N, C-alpha and C. Protein backbone atom coordinates (compact mmCIF):
# COMPACT_ATOMS: atom_id res chain seq x y z
N UNK A 1 128.11 88.59 91.91
CA UNK A 1 126.91 87.86 91.58
C UNK A 1 125.70 88.66 92.05
N UNK A 2 124.75 88.85 91.19
CA UNK A 2 123.54 89.62 91.51
C UNK A 2 122.61 88.79 92.38
N UNK A 3 121.99 89.46 93.33
CA UNK A 3 121.04 88.77 94.19
C UNK A 3 119.72 88.60 93.46
N UNK A 4 119.17 87.41 93.55
CA UNK A 4 117.90 87.13 92.90
C UNK A 4 116.76 87.39 93.88
N UNK A 5 115.62 87.78 93.36
CA UNK A 5 114.45 87.99 94.19
C UNK A 5 113.76 86.65 94.42
N UNK A 6 113.29 86.43 95.61
CA UNK A 6 112.58 85.21 95.96
C UNK A 6 111.13 85.56 96.21
N UNK A 7 110.29 85.30 95.24
CA UNK A 7 108.91 85.76 95.25
C UNK A 7 108.13 85.29 96.47
N UNK A 8 108.36 84.09 96.94
CA UNK A 8 107.56 83.56 98.04
C UNK A 8 108.08 83.99 99.40
N UNK A 9 109.30 84.49 99.45
CA UNK A 9 109.90 84.83 100.74
C UNK A 9 109.78 86.31 101.09
N UNK A 10 109.58 87.16 100.12
CA UNK A 10 109.61 88.59 100.36
C UNK A 10 108.21 89.20 100.44
N UNK A 11 108.15 90.28 101.20
CA UNK A 11 107.01 91.18 101.14
C UNK A 11 107.43 92.30 100.20
N UNK A 12 106.49 92.87 99.47
CA UNK A 12 106.81 93.89 98.48
C UNK A 12 106.16 95.21 98.86
N UNK A 13 106.91 96.29 98.65
CA UNK A 13 106.45 97.63 99.00
C UNK A 13 106.39 98.51 97.76
N UNK A 14 105.50 99.48 97.79
CA UNK A 14 105.45 100.50 96.75
C UNK A 14 106.47 101.58 97.09
N UNK A 15 106.69 102.48 96.15
CA UNK A 15 107.61 103.60 96.41
C UNK A 15 107.08 104.45 97.56
N UNK A 16 105.78 104.69 97.60
CA UNK A 16 105.21 105.49 98.69
C UNK A 16 105.44 104.84 100.05
N UNK A 17 105.26 103.53 100.12
CA UNK A 17 105.47 102.83 101.39
C UNK A 17 106.92 102.90 101.84
N UNK A 18 107.84 102.73 100.91
CA UNK A 18 109.27 102.82 101.25
C UNK A 18 109.61 104.24 101.68
N UNK A 19 109.06 105.23 101.01
CA UNK A 19 109.30 106.62 101.40
C UNK A 19 108.84 106.88 102.83
N UNK A 20 107.69 106.34 103.20
CA UNK A 20 107.20 106.51 104.57
C UNK A 20 108.09 105.80 105.57
N UNK A 21 108.52 104.58 105.25
CA UNK A 21 109.38 103.81 106.15
C UNK A 21 110.70 104.53 106.37
N UNK A 22 111.27 105.06 105.29
CA UNK A 22 112.57 105.71 105.37
C UNK A 22 112.49 107.19 105.75
N UNK A 23 111.27 107.71 105.83
CA UNK A 23 111.05 109.12 106.17
C UNK A 23 111.73 110.06 105.16
N UNK A 24 111.53 109.73 103.88
CA UNK A 24 112.03 110.57 102.79
C UNK A 24 110.90 110.80 101.80
N UNK A 25 111.15 111.59 100.79
CA UNK A 25 110.13 111.88 99.78
C UNK A 25 110.08 110.78 98.70
N UNK A 26 108.96 110.75 98.01
CA UNK A 26 108.73 109.80 96.92
C UNK A 26 109.86 109.89 95.89
N UNK A 27 110.22 111.10 95.50
CA UNK A 27 111.25 111.29 94.47
C UNK A 27 112.61 110.78 94.92
N UNK A 28 112.91 110.85 96.20
CA UNK A 28 114.17 110.34 96.70
C UNK A 28 114.27 108.84 96.45
N UNK A 29 113.20 108.12 96.76
CA UNK A 29 113.17 106.67 96.55
C UNK A 29 113.25 106.37 95.05
N UNK A 30 112.51 107.13 94.27
CA UNK A 30 112.52 106.94 92.82
C UNK A 30 113.93 107.12 92.24
N UNK A 31 114.63 108.13 92.70
CA UNK A 31 115.99 108.39 92.23
C UNK A 31 116.95 107.29 92.69
N UNK A 32 116.75 106.78 93.91
CA UNK A 32 117.59 105.69 94.41
C UNK A 32 117.43 104.45 93.53
N UNK A 33 116.22 104.19 93.09
CA UNK A 33 115.96 103.06 92.19
C UNK A 33 116.65 103.32 90.85
N UNK A 34 116.52 104.52 90.34
CA UNK A 34 117.13 104.88 89.06
C UNK A 34 118.65 104.77 89.08
N UNK A 35 119.28 105.12 90.22
CA UNK A 35 120.73 105.04 90.35
C UNK A 35 121.22 103.63 90.67
N UNK A 36 120.29 102.72 90.94
CA UNK A 36 120.66 101.35 91.27
C UNK A 36 121.00 101.14 92.73
N UNK A 37 120.73 102.11 93.58
CA UNK A 37 121.01 102.00 95.00
C UNK A 37 119.98 101.13 95.71
N UNK A 38 118.80 101.03 95.14
CA UNK A 38 117.72 100.25 95.73
C UNK A 38 117.15 99.35 94.64
N UNK A 39 117.20 98.06 94.88
CA UNK A 39 116.70 97.10 93.89
C UNK A 39 115.19 97.13 93.86
N UNK A 40 114.65 97.13 92.65
CA UNK A 40 113.19 97.15 92.47
C UNK A 40 112.87 96.56 91.11
N UNK A 41 111.63 96.24 90.91
CA UNK A 41 111.18 95.77 89.60
C UNK A 41 109.85 96.41 89.29
N UNK A 42 109.55 96.45 88.00
CA UNK A 42 108.29 97.06 87.56
C UNK A 42 107.24 95.99 87.42
N UNK A 43 106.09 96.27 87.95
CA UNK A 43 104.92 95.42 87.80
C UNK A 43 103.87 96.29 87.13
N UNK A 44 103.65 96.06 85.87
CA UNK A 44 102.82 96.91 85.04
C UNK A 44 103.46 98.31 85.01
N UNK A 45 102.84 99.29 85.58
CA UNK A 45 103.40 100.65 85.52
C UNK A 45 103.92 101.12 86.87
N UNK A 46 104.02 100.22 87.83
CA UNK A 46 104.46 100.60 89.17
C UNK A 46 105.70 99.81 89.58
N UNK A 47 106.51 100.43 90.42
CA UNK A 47 107.67 99.74 90.97
C UNK A 47 107.25 99.00 92.23
N UNK A 48 107.90 97.87 92.45
CA UNK A 48 107.75 97.12 93.70
C UNK A 48 109.15 96.87 94.24
N UNK A 49 109.31 97.10 95.52
CA UNK A 49 110.60 96.94 96.18
C UNK A 49 110.48 95.78 97.16
N UNK A 50 111.29 94.73 96.97
CA UNK A 50 111.25 93.60 97.90
C UNK A 50 111.77 94.02 99.27
N UNK A 51 111.19 93.44 100.30
CA UNK A 51 111.62 93.74 101.66
C UNK A 51 113.10 93.46 101.84
N UNK A 52 113.60 92.40 101.22
CA UNK A 52 115.02 92.06 101.35
C UNK A 52 115.91 93.16 100.78
N UNK A 53 115.49 93.80 99.69
CA UNK A 53 116.28 94.89 99.12
C UNK A 53 116.28 96.10 100.04
N UNK A 54 115.15 96.36 100.68
CA UNK A 54 115.05 97.48 101.62
C UNK A 54 115.94 97.22 102.84
N UNK A 55 115.91 96.00 103.35
CA UNK A 55 116.75 95.65 104.50
C UNK A 55 118.23 95.72 104.14
N UNK A 56 118.59 95.27 102.94
CA UNK A 56 119.98 95.37 102.48
C UNK A 56 120.44 96.82 102.46
N UNK A 57 119.60 97.70 101.94
CA UNK A 57 119.94 99.12 101.88
C UNK A 57 120.12 99.69 103.29
N UNK A 58 119.22 99.36 104.20
CA UNK A 58 119.31 99.88 105.56
C UNK A 58 120.55 99.34 106.27
N UNK A 59 120.86 98.06 106.07
CA UNK A 59 122.06 97.49 106.69
C UNK A 59 123.32 98.10 106.12
N UNK A 60 123.35 98.36 104.83
CA UNK A 60 124.49 98.98 104.19
C UNK A 60 124.68 100.40 104.73
N UNK A 61 123.59 101.13 104.87
CA UNK A 61 123.66 102.50 105.40
C UNK A 61 124.15 102.51 106.85
N UNK A 62 123.67 101.54 107.62
CA UNK A 62 124.06 101.47 109.04
C UNK A 62 125.54 101.14 109.16
N UNK A 63 126.04 100.26 108.29
CA UNK A 63 127.46 99.90 108.37
C UNK A 63 128.35 101.07 107.96
N UNK A 64 127.89 101.91 107.02
CA UNK A 64 128.66 103.09 106.63
C UNK A 64 128.71 104.10 107.77
N UNK A 65 127.62 104.23 108.51
CA UNK A 65 127.59 105.16 109.64
C UNK A 65 128.48 104.69 110.78
N UNK A 66 128.57 103.37 110.96
CA UNK A 66 129.35 102.81 112.05
C UNK A 66 130.85 102.89 111.76
N UNK A 67 131.22 102.95 110.49
CA UNK A 67 132.64 102.96 110.11
C UNK A 67 133.30 104.29 110.32
């Protein structure tokens, strides 16, 4: 079952903001969105990444490192 976005509960980030948070380049985040590794949606001509999707990605990465 796909996770739905909850507009009132999430904070939304741009690709640049996510790149700064994750300490990676803009293109890395863009490619992650393209591969489906990071959930995002387009608002006009820009992507927005919900905070919940970013936290899910970080938790998934942390669990892979711990295993």
